[in-house]
Amino acid sequence: MNKSDFFYDLPQELIAQTPIEPRDASRLLVYDRKTDEIEHKHFYDLPELLRKDDMLVINNTKVLPARVEGVKTDTGAHISFLLHKRVDKNTWETLCRPAKRAKLGSKLVFSDDLTGEIVGEGEEGARTLRFEYDGVFEEILNRIGEVPLPHYIHEQLETIDRYQTVYARDVGSSAAPTAGLHFTPRLMNELKNMGVEFTEVLLHVGLGTFLPVKTDDVENHKMHSEFYRVTDDAARRINEARAQGRRIIAVGTTSVRVLESSADENGIVRAGCGETSIFIYPPYKFKAVDALITNFHLPESTLIMLVSALVGREKTLEIYRTAVEKKYRFFSFGDACFFR
């Protein structure tokens, strides 16, 4: 299967630059895999689309202010770093630019109380950065860092909280789990009151979100690992729901990756934490996910491949063509899909 098999034409004007208000006013394309029917709704219509015993599995990760700029001590050159994975207390894997200035051994100043040294080099601007600081690292980062928005978003947000889900709790992601951006506290309460259950898992979104598929043969693409966690309580609730025949609906591809990484061949989810580099593409057989709420994804990306594994490649491309014709808004601040 080739990367080009997942390409579709997208007019630039359909790439959403700003989030819609309120959050749940975004449009929602609903595809029923049993009836092969498409409906056009809004996200606030979820109560009429879900069953009272459904389980929504959400990713409670919170985006880091992970973009920082350093000045080289020897030349005064400015280098921008995106922190994407913590190696230990003081060391991070990063993406940087301009990479040609970020040589092994380079020392940098980020603020009066934060300095760093490049202690490792990788491909595509990947650098390992070891920090030295006075005080609490997270507090320094909150003061000097910026929340990184995707490269296709060119407008500034009025408030950076709009790039966090309303249920974000555990800081560590380089990007938001964007399917969850559509939920409001009011909508979540309405769903809970009708009997829908929310279960939280964790996946810190890392480098894999930013790197395109560069191999023509999809099978040769290597995913970077990301940290995930499933608590004992979450595993118990998910397994009880499955045993009762209830639908397990993943909110976002990150929740899918957690569930499929932690499930055995019978769909039983195991509690625990670790690193996952799972790459889901056709003809993958899902073990723990029955349905998916997600945004519209980039052409030839690992995320549209994941959707294609659930829905079918040709059907996914057909749905995306319909969304283009109907002028849905695409990507992180765009509209959503419900594949049931």
C-alpha atoms as a PDB file:
ATOM      1  CA  MET A   1       0.000   0.000   0.000  1.00  0.00           C
ATOM      2  CA  ASN A   2       1.466   3.318  -1.090  1.00  0.00           C
ATOM      3  CA  LYS A   3       1.398   6.701   0.604  1.00  0.00           C
ATOM      4  CA  SER A   4      -0.269   8.180  -2.492  1.00  0.00           C
ATOM      5  CA  ASP A   5      -3.243   5.860  -1.921  1.00  0.00           C
ATOM      6  CA  PHE A   6      -4.263   8.220   0.899  1.00  0.00           C
ATOM      7  CA  PHE A   7      -4.059  11.500  -1.004  1.00  0.00           C
ATOM      8  CA  TYR A   8      -6.999  13.835  -1.548  1.00  0.00           C
ATOM      9  CA  ASP A   9      -7.306  17.373  -2.936  1.00  0.00           C
ATOM     10  CA  LEU A  10      -8.003  20.042  -0.326  1.00  0.00           C
ATOM     11  CA  PRO A  11      -8.503  23.736  -1.149  1.00  0.00           C
ATOM     12  CA  GLN A  12      -6.365  25.888   1.148  1.00  0.00           C
ATOM     13  CA  GLU A  13      -9.355  27.974   2.167  1.00  0.00           C
ATOM     14  CA  LEU A  14     -10.900  24.952   3.921  1.00  0.00           C
ATOM     15  CA  ILE A  15      -8.013  24.691   6.407  1.00  0.00           C
ATOM     16  CA  ALA A  16      -9.471  26.236   9.565  1.00  0.00           C
ATOM     17  CA  GLN A  17      -7.278  29.031  10.952  1.00  0.00           C
ATOM     18  CA  THR A  18      -9.312  29.831  14.055  1.00  0.00           C
ATOM     19  CA  PRO A  19     -11.621  27.757  16.257  1.00  0.00           C
ATOM     20  CA  ILE A  20     -15.354  28.235  16.021  1.00  0.00           C
ATOM     21  CA  GLU A  21     -17.309  29.532  19.026  1.00  0.00           C
ATOM     22  CA  PRO A  22     -18.792  27.968  20.984  1.00  0.00           C
ATOM     23  CA  ARG A  23     -16.712  24.802  20.775  1.00  0.00           C
ATOM     24  CA  ASP A  24     -19.628  22.473  20.109  1.00  0.00           C
ATOM     25  CA  ALA A  25     -20.989  24.595  17.237  1.00  0.00           C
ATOM     26  CA  SER A  26     -18.594  22.873  14.840  1.00  0.00           C
ATOM     27  CA  ARG A  27     -20.126  20.701  12.156  1.00  0.00           C
ATOM     28  CA  LEU A  28     -20.190  16.922  12.513  1.00  0.00           C
ATOM     29  CA  LEU A  29     -20.170  14.498   9.591  1.00  0.00           C
ATOM     30  CA  VAL A  30     -21.751  11.232  10.727  1.00  0.00           C
ATOM     31  CA  TYR A  31     -21.069   8.017   8.835  1.00  0.00           C
ATOM     32  CA  ASP A  32     -22.924   4.823   9.723  1.00  0.00           C
ATOM     33  CA  ARG A  33     -20.824   1.845   8.670  1.00  0.00           C
ATOM     34  CA  LYS A  34     -23.777  -0.557   8.813  1.00  0.00           C
ATOM     35  CA  THR A  35     -26.182   1.441   6.644  1.00  0.00           C
ATOM     36  CA  ASP A  36     -23.477   3.197   4.570  1.00  0.00           C
ATOM     37  CA  GLU A  37     -25.273   6.498   5.146  1.00  0.00           C
ATOM     38  CA  ILE A  38     -23.833   9.966   5.723  1.00  0.00           C
ATOM     39  CA  GLU A  39     -25.572  12.619   7.801  1.00  0.00           C
ATOM     40  CA  HIS A  40     -24.578  16.234   8.309  1.00  0.00           C
ATOM     41  CA  LYS A  41     -25.020  17.417  11.886  1.00  0.00           C
ATOM     42  CA  HIS A  42     -23.374  19.652  14.475  1.00  0.00           C
ATOM     43  CA  PHE A  43     -21.281  18.553  17.417  1.00  0.00           C
ATOM     44  CA  TYR A  44     -23.981  19.695  19.833  1.00  0.00           C
ATOM     45  CA  ASP A  45     -26.217  17.009  18.260  1.00  0.00           C
ATOM     46  CA  LEU A  46     -24.187  14.240  19.938  1.00  0.00           C
ATOM     47  CA  PRO A  47     -26.905  13.517  22.539  1.00  0.00           C
ATOM     48  CA  GLU A  48     -29.250  12.390  19.770  1.00  0.00           C
ATOM     49  CA  LEU A  49     -26.516  10.334  18.095  1.00  0.00           C
ATOM     50  CA  LEU A  50     -25.227   8.447  21.146  1.00  0.00           C
ATOM     51  CA  ARG A  51     -26.856   5.688  23.171  1.00  0.00           C
ATOM     52  CA  LYS A  52     -27.412   6.079  26.885  1.00  0.00           C
ATOM     53  CA  ASP A  53     -24.938   3.304  27.715  1.00  0.00           C
ATOM     54  CA  ASP A  54     -22.123   4.357  25.342  1.00  0.00           C
ATOM     55  CA  MET A  55     -18.618   4.881  26.697  1.00  0.00           C
ATOM     56  CA  LEU A  56     -16.508   7.766  25.399  1.00  0.00           C
ATOM     57  CA  VAL A  57     -12.773   7.281  25.951  1.00  0.00           C
ATOM     58  CA  ILE A  58     -11.006  10.650  26.139  1.00  0.00           C
ATOM     59  CA  ASN A  59      -7.330  11.622  26.314  1.00  0.00           C
ATOM     60  CA  ASN A  60      -6.707  13.968  29.256  1.00  0.00           C
ATOM     61  CA  THR A  61      -3.251  15.126  28.140  1.00  0.00           C
ATOM     62  CA  LYS A  62      -2.460  18.842  28.335  1.00  0.00           C
ATOM     63  CA  VAL A  63      -0.282  20.722  25.842  1.00  0.00           C
ATOM     64  CA  LEU A  64       3.090  21.981  27.041  1.00  0.00           C
ATOM     65  CA  PRO A  65       4.267  25.510  26.291  1.00  0.00           C
ATOM     66  CA  ALA A  66       6.864  23.483  24.422  1.00  0.00           C
ATOM     67  CA  ARG A  67       8.336  25.976  21.967  1.00  0.00           C
ATOM     68  CA  VAL A  68      11.355  27.849  23.363  1.00  0.00           C
ATOM     69  CA  GLU A  69      14.022  30.011  21.738  1.00  0.00           C
ATOM     70  CA  GLY A  70      17.658  29.831  22.752  1.00  0.00           C
ATOM     71  CA  VAL A  71      20.700  31.971  21.947  1.00  0.00           C
ATOM     72  CA  LYS A  72      24.014  30.258  21.241  1.00  0.00           C
ATOM     73  CA  THR A  73      26.659  31.456  23.672  1.00  0.00           C
ATOM     74  CA  ASP A  74      29.470  31.462  21.097  1.00  0.00           C
ATOM     75  CA  THR A  75      27.803  33.118  18.083  1.00  0.00           C
ATOM     76  CA  GLY A  76      24.631  34.761  19.394  1.00  0.00           C
ATOM     77  CA  ALA A  77      22.559  32.814  16.830  1.00  0.00           C
ATOM     78  CA  HIS A  78      18.898  32.236  17.702  1.00  0.00           C
ATOM     79  CA  ILE A  79      17.562  28.671  17.525  1.00  0.00           C
ATOM     80  CA  SER A  80      13.964  27.590  18.072  1.00  0.00           C
ATOM     81  CA  PHE A  81      13.309  24.273  19.847  1.00  0.00           C
ATOM     82  CA  LEU A  82      10.148  22.221  20.133  1.00  0.00           C
ATOM     83  CA  LEU A  83      10.251  19.919  23.160  1.00  0.00           C
ATOM     84  CA  HIS A  84       8.440  16.708  22.334  1.00  0.00           C
ATOM     85  CA  LYS A  85       9.616  13.947  24.657  1.00  0.00           C
ATOM     86  CA  ARG A  86      11.191  13.956  28.102  1.00  0.00           C
ATOM     87  CA  VAL A  87      14.140  11.570  28.443  1.00  0.00           C
ATOM     88  CA  ASP A  88      14.851  12.239  32.122  1.00  0.00           C
ATOM     89  CA  LYS A  89      14.429  15.062  34.613  1.00  0.00           C
ATOM     90  CA  ASN A  90      16.712  17.473  32.730  1.00  0.00           C
ATOM     91  CA  THR A  91      16.905  16.032  29.191  1.00  0.00           C
ATOM     92  CA  TRP A  92      14.467  16.351  26.292  1.00  0.00           C
ATOM     93  CA  GLU A  93      14.220  15.132  22.733  1.00  0.00           C
ATOM     94  CA  THR A  94      13.459  18.162  20.552  1.00  0.00           C
ATOM     95  CA  LEU A  95      12.971  19.396  17.010  1.00  0.00           C
ATOM     96  CA  CYS A  96      14.927  22.535  16.188  1.00  0.00           C
ATOM     97  CA  ARG A  97      15.492  25.051  13.432  1.00  0.00           C
ATOM     98  CA  PRO A  98      17.639  26.168  11.866  1.00  0.00           C
ATOM     99  CA  ALA A  99      19.147  22.747  12.505  1.00  0.00           C
ATOM    100  CA  LYS A 100      22.429  23.579  10.766  1.00  0.00           C
ATOM    101  CA  ARG A 101      23.282  25.920  13.645  1.00  0.00           C
ATOM    102  CA  ALA A 102      22.461  23.370  16.338  1.00  0.00           C
ATOM    103  CA  LYS A 103      25.678  21.366  16.506  1.00  0.00           C
ATOM    104  CA  LEU A 104      26.559  18.737  19.072  1.00  0.00           C
ATOM    105  CA  GLY A 105      28.018  20.450  22.125  1.00  0.00           C
ATOM    106  CA  SER A 106      26.404  23.828  21.400  1.00  0.00           C
ATOM    107  CA  LYS A 107      25.508  25.743  24.562  1.00  0.00           C
ATOM    108  CA  LEU A 108      22.446  27.961  24.716  1.00  0.00           C
ATOM    109  CA  VAL A 109      20.795  30.521  26.960  1.00  0.00           C
ATOM    110  CA  PHE A 110      17.000  30.528  27.136  1.00  0.00           C
ATOM    111  CA  SER A 111      16.506  32.896  30.077  1.00  0.00           C
ATOM    112  CA  ASP A 112      18.305  34.142  33.154  1.00  0.00           C
ATOM    113  CA  ASP A 113      17.499  30.889  34.932  1.00  0.00           C
ATOM    114  CA  LEU A 114      17.559  28.367  32.072  1.00  0.00           C
ATOM    115  CA  THR A 115      20.490  27.215  29.927  1.00  0.00           C
ATOM    116  CA  GLY A 116      21.056  24.120  27.830  1.00  0.00           C
ATOM    117  CA  GLU A 117      23.503  22.031  25.846  1.00  0.00           C
ATOM    118  CA  ILE A 118      22.928  19.886  22.761  1.00  0.00           C
ATOM    119  CA  VAL A 119      24.020  16.373  23.737  1.00  0.00           C
ATOM    120  CA  GLY A 120      22.601  14.371  20.841  1.00  0.00           C
ATOM    121  CA  GLU A 121      21.851  14.705  17.124  1.00  0.00           C
ATOM    122  CA  GLY A 122      19.274  12.980  14.953  1.00  0.00           C
ATOM    123  CA  GLU A 123      17.676  13.362  11.530  1.00  0.00           C
ATOM    124  CA  GLU A 124      15.177  15.978  10.397  1.00  0.00           C
ATOM    125  CA  GLY A 125      16.321  18.571  12.939  1.00  0.00           C
ATOM    126  CA  ALA A 126      16.048  16.220  15.913  1.00  0.00           C
ATOM    127  CA  ARG A 127      18.313  17.197  18.806  1.00  0.00           C
ATOM    128  CA  THR A 128      18.654  15.995  22.385  1.00  0.00           C
ATOM    129  CA  LEU A 129      18.863  18.954  24.761  1.00  0.00           C
ATOM    130  CA  ARG A 130      20.058  18.841  28.379  1.00  0.00           C
ATOM    131  CA  PHE A 131      18.912  21.737  30.552  1.00  0.00           C
ATOM    132  CA  GLU A 132      20.355  23.402  33.627  1.00  0.00           C
ATOM    133  CA  TYR A 133      18.123  25.705  35.644  1.00  0.00           C
ATOM    134  CA  ASP A 134      17.428  27.374  38.950  1.00  0.00           C
ATOM    135  CA  GLY A 135      13.980  26.705  40.345  1.00  0.00           C
ATOM    136  CA  VAL A 136      11.141  24.545  38.978  1.00  0.00           C
ATOM    137  CA  PHE A 137      11.519  23.658  35.286  1.00  0.00           C
ATOM    138  CA  GLU A 138       7.766  23.627  34.579  1.00  0.00           C
ATOM    139  CA  GLU A 139       7.345  27.089  36.073  1.00  0.00           C
ATOM    140  CA  ILE A 140      10.188  28.442  33.936  1.00  0.00           C
ATOM    141  CA  LEU A 141       8.675  26.827  30.843  1.00  0.00           C
ATOM    142  CA  ASN A 142       5.273  28.337  31.596  1.00  0.00           C
ATOM    143  CA  ARG A 143       6.920  31.743  31.754  1.00  0.00           C
ATOM    144  CA  ILE A 144       9.132  31.640  28.645  1.00  0.00           C
ATOM    145  CA  GLY A 145       7.589  28.961  26.414  1.00  0.00           C
ATOM    146  CA  GLU A 146       4.870  29.133  23.795  1.00  0.00           C
ATOM    147  CA  VAL A 147       2.233  26.517  23.044  1.00  0.00           C
ATOM    148  CA  PRO A 148       3.125  25.243  19.556  1.00  0.00           C
ATOM    149  CA  LEU A 149       0.373  25.469  16.966  1.00  0.00           C
ATOM    150  CA  PRO A 150       0.501  23.288  13.838  1.00  0.00           C
ATOM    151  CA  HIS A 151       2.458  24.693  10.893  1.00  0.00           C
ATOM    152  CA  TYR A 152      -0.680  25.172   8.777  1.00  0.00           C
ATOM    153  CA  ILE A 153      -2.219  27.610  11.296  1.00  0.00           C
ATOM    154  CA  HIS A 154      -1.029  31.150  10.583  1.00  0.00           C
ATOM    155  CA  GLU A 155      -3.302  33.244  12.804  1.00  0.00           C
ATOM    156  CA  GLN A 156      -2.754  33.971  16.487  1.00  0.00           C
ATOM    157  CA  LEU A 157      -5.217  32.673  19.046  1.00  0.00           C
ATOM    158  CA  GLU A 158      -6.997  35.152  21.293  1.00  0.00           C
ATOM    159  CA  THR A 159      -6.435  32.742  24.185  1.00  0.00           C
ATOM    160  CA  ILE A 160      -4.156  29.717  24.150  1.00  0.00           C
ATOM    161  CA  ASP A 161      -6.689  27.816  26.287  1.00  0.00           C
ATOM    162  CA  ARG A 162      -8.612  27.315  23.052  1.00  0.00           C
ATOM    163  CA  TYR A 163      -5.888  24.839  22.038  1.00  0.00           C
ATOM    164  CA  GLN A 164      -6.582  22.764  25.158  1.00  0.00           C
ATOM    165  CA  THR A 165      -9.509  20.452  25.780  1.00  0.00           C
ATOM    166  CA  VAL A 166     -11.790  21.429  28.655  1.00  0.00           C
ATOM    167  CA  TYR A 167     -10.755  18.202  30.411  1.00  0.00           C
ATOM    168  CA  ALA A 168      -6.966  18.557  29.903  1.00  0.00           C
ATOM    169  CA  ARG A 169      -5.102  17.672  33.114  1.00  0.00           C
ATOM    170  CA  ASP A 170      -1.752  15.914  32.642  1.00  0.00           C
ATOM    171  CA  VAL A 171       0.857  18.232  31.079  1.00  0.00           C
ATOM    172  CA  GLY A 172       3.148  16.661  28.503  1.00  0.00           C
ATOM    173  CA  SER A 173       1.891  16.940  24.901  1.00  0.00           C
ATOM    174  CA  SER A 174       3.440  18.819  22.008  1.00  0.00           C
ATOM    175  CA  ALA A 175       0.020  19.053  20.336  1.00  0.00           C
ATOM    176  CA  ALA A 176      -3.603  18.912  21.408  1.00  0.00           C
ATOM    177  CA  PRO A 177      -5.801  15.824  20.947  1.00  0.00           C
ATOM    178  CA  THR A 178      -7.971  17.914  18.652  1.00  0.00           C
ATOM    179  CA  ALA A 179     -11.093  15.738  18.511  1.00  0.00           C
ATOM    180  CA  GLY A 180     -11.672  16.692  22.141  1.00  0.00           C
ATOM    181  CA  LEU A 181     -11.573  20.423  21.418  1.00  0.00           C
ATOM    182  CA  HIS A 182     -15.267  20.309  20.451  1.00  0.00           C
ATOM    183  CA  PHE A 183     -16.531  19.332  23.892  1.00  0.00           C
ATOM    184  CA  THR A 184     -17.946  21.904  26.301  1.00  0.00           C
ATOM    185  CA  PRO A 185     -18.700  21.334  29.997  1.00  0.00           C
ATOM    186  CA  ARG A 186     -22.402  21.790  29.210  1.00  0.00           C
ATOM    187  CA  LEU A 187     -22.354  19.139  26.478  1.00  0.00           C
ATOM    188  CA  MET A 188     -20.405  16.702  28.648  1.00  0.00           C
ATOM    189  CA  ASN A 189     -22.874  17.149  31.497  1.00  0.00           C
ATOM    190  CA  GLU A 190     -25.803  16.603  29.146  1.00  0.00           C
ATOM    191  CA  LEU A 191     -24.263  13.372  27.891  1.00  0.00           C
ATOM    192  CA  LYS A 192     -23.470  12.162  31.419  1.00  0.00           C
ATOM    193  CA  ASN A 193     -27.023  12.924  32.535  1.00  0.00           C
ATOM    194  CA  MET A 194     -28.404  10.718  29.749  1.00  0.00           C
ATOM    195  CA  GLY A 195     -26.136   7.842  30.824  1.00  0.00           C
ATOM    196  CA  VAL A 196     -23.089   8.198  28.576  1.00  0.00           C
ATOM    197  CA  GLU A 197     -19.917   7.313  30.494  1.00  0.00           C
ATOM    198  CA  PHE A 198     -16.601   9.150  30.082  1.00  0.00           C
ATOM    199  CA  THR A 199     -13.360   7.308  30.782  1.00  0.00           C
ATOM    200  CA  GLU A 200      -9.977   9.035  30.761  1.00  0.00           C
ATOM    201  CA  VAL A 201      -6.739   7.625  29.367  1.00  0.00           C
ATOM    202  CA  LEU A 202      -3.469   9.402  28.619  1.00  0.00           C
ATOM    203  CA  LEU A 203      -1.228   9.720  25.582  1.00  0.00           C
ATOM    204  CA  HIS A 204       1.308  12.536  25.330  1.00  0.00           C
ATOM    205  CA  VAL A 205       1.292  13.575  21.676  1.00  0.00           C
ATOM    206  CA  GLY A 206       4.863  13.716  20.397  1.00  0.00           C
ATOM    207  CA  LEU A 207       7.052  13.772  17.317  1.00  0.00           C
ATOM    208  CA  GLY A 208       4.911  11.426  15.251  1.00  0.00           C
ATOM    209  CA  THR A 209       2.285  14.144  14.917  1.00  0.00           C
ATOM    210  CA  PHE A 210       4.740  16.518  13.246  1.00  0.00           C
ATOM    211  CA  LEU A 211       6.612  14.214  10.887  1.00  0.00           C
ATOM    212  CA  PRO A 212       5.076  13.297   7.508  1.00  0.00           C
ATOM    213  CA  VAL A 213       5.169   9.843   5.976  1.00  0.00           C
ATOM    214  CA  LYS A 214       8.220   9.963   3.707  1.00  0.00           C
ATOM    215  CA  THR A 215       8.390   6.373   2.483  1.00  0.00           C
ATOM    216  CA  ASP A 216       6.340   5.492  -0.599  1.00  0.00           C
ATOM    217  CA  ASP A 217       5.573   2.073   0.857  1.00  0.00           C
ATOM    218  CA  VAL A 218       3.413   2.674   3.939  1.00  0.00           C
ATOM    219  CA  GLU A 219       4.753  -0.432   5.674  1.00  0.00           C
ATOM    220  CA  ASN A 220       8.255   1.088   5.760  1.00  0.00           C
ATOM    221  CA  HIS A 221       7.181   4.106   7.803  1.00  0.00           C
ATOM    222  CA  LYS A 222       8.389   4.050  11.398  1.00  0.00           C
ATOM    223  CA  MET A 223       6.319   5.741  14.081  1.00  0.00           C
ATOM    224  CA  HIS A 224       8.082   7.529  16.940  1.00  0.00           C
ATOM    225  CA  SER A 225       7.095   6.264  20.369  1.00  0.00           C
ATOM    226  CA  GLU A 226       4.800   8.209  22.682  1.00  0.00           C
ATOM    227  CA  PHE A 227       4.083   7.800  26.389  1.00  0.00           C
ATOM    228  CA  TYR A 228       0.674   6.401  27.340  1.00  0.00           C
ATOM    229  CA  ARG A 229      -1.091   5.353  30.523  1.00  0.00           C
ATOM    230  CA  VAL A 230      -4.217   3.387  31.404  1.00  0.00           C
ATOM    231  CA  THR A 231      -5.122   3.371  35.104  1.00  0.00           C
ATOM    232  CA  ASP A 232      -6.522   0.344  36.896  1.00  0.00           C
ATOM    233  CA  ASP A 233      -9.875   2.104  37.202  1.00  0.00           C
ATOM    234  CA  ALA A 234     -10.002   3.014  33.500  1.00  0.00           C
ATOM    235  CA  ALA A 235      -9.134  -0.541  32.427  1.00  0.00           C
ATOM    236  CA  ARG A 236     -11.778  -1.996  34.747  1.00  0.00           C
ATOM    237  CA  ARG A 237     -14.492   0.350  33.464  1.00  0.00           C
ATOM    238  CA  ILE A 238     -13.612  -0.209  29.797  1.00  0.00           C
ATOM    239  CA  ASN A 239     -13.586  -3.988  30.217  1.00  0.00           C
ATOM    240  CA  GLU A 240     -16.885  -3.926  32.102  1.00  0.00           C
ATOM    241  CA  ALA A 241     -18.461  -1.882  29.323  1.00  0.00           C
ATOM    242  CA  ARG A 242     -17.192  -4.328  26.693  1.00  0.00           C
ATOM    243  CA  ALA A 243     -18.453  -7.317  28.697  1.00  0.00           C
ATOM    244  CA  GLN A 244     -21.866  -5.656  28.836  1.00  0.00           C
ATOM    245  CA  GLY A 245     -21.922  -5.191  25.052  1.00  0.00           C
ATOM    246  CA  ARG A 246     -21.720  -1.409  25.225  1.00  0.00           C
ATOM    247  CA  ARG A 247     -20.031   0.635  22.517  1.00  0.00           C
ATOM    248  CA  ILE A 248     -16.470   1.823  23.165  1.00  0.00           C
ATOM    249  CA  ILE A 249     -16.134   5.127  21.291  1.00  0.00           C
ATOM    250  CA  ALA A 250     -12.655   6.609  21.062  1.00  0.00           C
ATOM    251  CA  VAL A 251     -12.514  10.399  21.089  1.00  0.00           C
ATOM    252  CA  GLY A 252      -9.579  11.059  18.798  1.00  0.00           C
ATOM    253  CA  THR A 253      -6.879   8.961  17.209  1.00  0.00           C
ATOM    254  CA  THR A 254      -4.738   9.300  20.345  1.00  0.00           C
ATOM    255  CA  SER A 255      -7.365   7.454  22.380  1.00  0.00           C
ATOM    256  CA  VAL A 256      -7.469   4.805  19.655  1.00  0.00           C
ATOM    257  CA  ARG A 257      -3.718   4.289  19.934  1.00  0.00           C
ATOM    258  CA  VAL A 258      -3.945   3.913  23.717  1.00  0.00           C
ATOM    259  CA  LEU A 259      -6.772   1.395  23.536  1.00  0.00           C
ATOM    260  CA  GLU A 260      -5.268  -0.675  20.745  1.00  0.00           C
ATOM    261  CA  SER A 261      -1.808  -0.619  22.371  1.00  0.00           C
ATOM    262  CA  SER A 262      -3.116  -1.850  25.716  1.00  0.00           C
ATOM    263  CA  ALA A 263      -5.653  -4.430  24.510  1.00  0.00           C
ATOM    264  CA  ASP A 264      -5.019  -8.142  24.045  1.00  0.00           C
ATOM    265  CA  GLU A 265      -6.330 -10.174  21.105  1.00  0.00           C
ATOM    266  CA  ASN A 266      -9.705 -10.532  22.846  1.00  0.00           C
ATOM    267  CA  GLY A 267     -10.072  -6.776  23.315  1.00  0.00           C
ATOM    268  CA  ILE A 268      -9.372  -6.889  27.046  1.00  0.00           C
ATOM    269  CA  VAL A 269      -7.593  -3.660  28.038  1.00  0.00           C
ATOM    270  CA  ARG A 270      -4.662  -3.976  30.436  1.00  0.00           C
ATOM    271  CA  ALA A 271      -3.790  -1.269  32.923  1.00  0.00           C
ATOM    272  CA  GLY A 272      -0.267   0.123  32.792  1.00  0.00           C
ATOM    273  CA  CYS A 273       1.967   2.709  31.197  1.00  0.00           C
ATOM    274  CA  GLY A 274       4.768   2.697  28.685  1.00  0.00           C
ATOM    275  CA  GLU A 275       5.774   3.720  25.196  1.00  0.00           C
ATOM    276  CA  THR A 276       3.747   2.950  22.099  1.00  0.00           C
ATOM    277  CA  SER A 277       4.783   3.250  18.473  1.00  0.00           C
ATOM    278  CA  ILE A 278       1.676   1.533  17.116  1.00  0.00           C
ATOM    279  CA  PHE A 279       0.991   2.352  13.460  1.00  0.00           C
ATOM    280  CA  ILE A 280      -2.566   1.599  12.386  1.00  0.00           C
ATOM    281  CA  TYR A 281      -3.357   1.324   8.684  1.00  0.00           C
ATOM    282  CA  PRO A 282      -5.421  -1.041   6.481  1.00  0.00           C
ATOM    283  CA  PRO A 283      -6.058  -3.933   6.909  1.00  0.00           C
ATOM    284  CA  TYR A 284      -5.603  -3.553  10.683  1.00  0.00           C
ATOM    285  CA  LYS A 285      -8.281  -5.321  12.756  1.00  0.00           C
ATOM    286  CA  PHE A 286      -9.446  -3.291  15.748  1.00  0.00           C
ATOM    287  CA  LYS A 287      -9.528  -5.056  19.097  1.00  0.00           C
ATOM    288  CA  ALA A 288     -10.951  -2.515  21.536  1.00  0.00           C
ATOM    289  CA  VAL A 289     -12.547   0.315  19.522  1.00  0.00           C
ATOM    290  CA  ASP A 290     -16.099   0.188  18.174  1.00  0.00           C
ATOM    291  CA  ALA A 291     -16.497   3.752  16.901  1.00  0.00           C
ATOM    292  CA  LEU A 292     -14.486   6.945  16.509  1.00  0.00           C
ATOM    293  CA  ILE A 293     -14.982  10.682  16.884  1.00  0.00           C
ATOM    294  CA  THR A 294     -12.170  12.557  15.142  1.00  0.00           C
ATOM    295  CA  ASN A 295     -11.298  15.584  13.020  1.00  0.00           C
ATOM    296  CA  PHE A 296     -10.451  15.654   9.307  1.00  0.00           C
ATOM    297  CA  HIS A 297      -6.787  14.786   8.805  1.00  0.00           C
ATOM    298  CA  LEU A 298      -4.002  15.751   6.414  1.00  0.00           C
ATOM    299  CA  PRO A 299      -3.609  13.918   3.098  1.00  0.00           C
ATOM    300  CA  GLU A 300      -1.154  11.003   3.225  1.00  0.00           C
ATOM    301  CA  SER A 301      -0.857  11.261   7.024  1.00  0.00           C
ATOM    302  CA  THR A 302      -0.729   8.379   9.498  1.00  0.00           C
ATOM    303  CA  LEU A 303      -4.027   9.658  10.916  1.00  0.00           C
ATOM    304  CA  ILE A 304      -6.031   9.347   7.689  1.00  0.00           C
ATOM    305  CA  MET A 305      -4.492   5.879   7.394  1.00  0.00           C
ATOM    306  CA  LEU A 306      -5.851   5.022  10.849  1.00  0.00           C
ATOM    307  CA  VAL A 307      -9.321   6.220   9.840  1.00  0.00           C
ATOM    308  CA  SER A 308      -9.048   4.162   6.645  1.00  0.00           C
ATOM    309  CA  ALA A 309      -8.326   1.052   8.716  1.00  0.00           C
ATOM    310  CA  LEU A 310     -11.649   1.560  10.504  1.00  0.00           C
ATOM    311  CA  VAL A 311     -13.820   2.785   7.633  1.00  0.00           C
ATOM    312  CA  GLY A 312     -12.036   1.489   4.532  1.00  0.00           C
ATOM    313  CA  ARG A 313      -9.659   3.449   2.319  1.00  0.00           C
ATOM    314  CA  GLU A 314     -12.012   4.079  -0.602  1.00  0.00           C
ATOM    315  CA  LYS A 315     -14.907   4.984   1.680  1.00  0.00           C
ATOM    316  CA  THR A 316     -12.695   7.350   3.694  1.00  0.00           C
ATOM    317  CA  LEU A 317     -11.606   9.185   0.541  1.00  0.00           C
ATOM    318  CA  GLU A 318     -15.237   9.313  -0.631  1.00  0.00           C
ATOM    319  CA  ILE A 319     -16.273  10.830   2.713  1.00  0.00           C
ATOM    320  CA  TYR A 320     -13.454  13.373   2.522  1.00  0.00           C
ATOM    321  CA  ARG A 321     -14.490  14.367  -1.009  1.00  0.00           C
ATOM    322  CA  THR A 322     -18.024  14.872   0.293  1.00  0.00           C
ATOM    323  CA  ALA A 323     -16.672  17.022   3.136  1.00  0.00           C
ATOM    324  CA  VAL A 324     -14.752  19.160   0.641  1.00  0.00           C
ATOM    325  CA  GLU A 325     -17.878  19.586  -1.501  1.00  0.00           C
ATOM    326  CA  LYS A 326     -19.893  20.551   1.588  1.00  0.00           C
ATOM    327  CA  LYS A 327     -17.126  22.969   2.642  1.00  0.00           C
ATOM    328  CA  TYR A 328     -16.384  21.431   6.002  1.00  0.00           C
ATOM    329  CA  ARG A 329     -13.483  23.000   7.896  1.00  0.00           C
ATOM    330  CA  PHE A 330     -10.373  20.835   8.081  1.00  0.00           C
ATOM    331  CA  PHE A 331      -7.606  19.923  10.540  1.00  0.00           C
ATOM    332  CA  SER A 332      -6.982  21.006  14.147  1.00  0.00           C
ATOM    333  CA  PHE A 333      -9.517  23.838  14.420  1.00  0.00           C
ATOM    334  CA  GLY A 334     -11.874  22.312  11.880  1.00  0.00           C
ATOM    335  CA  ASP A 335     -15.009  20.221  12.036  1.00  0.00           C
ATOM    336  CA  ALA A 336     -15.411  16.653  13.245  1.00  0.00           C
ATOM    337  CA  CYS A 337     -16.505  13.197  12.066  1.00  0.00           C
ATOM    338  CA  PHE A 338     -18.331  10.452  13.896  1.00  0.00           C
ATOM    339  CA  PHE A 339     -17.682   7.026  12.405  1.00  0.00           C
ATOM    340  CA  ARG A 340     -20.116   4.638  14.073  1.00  0.00           C
END
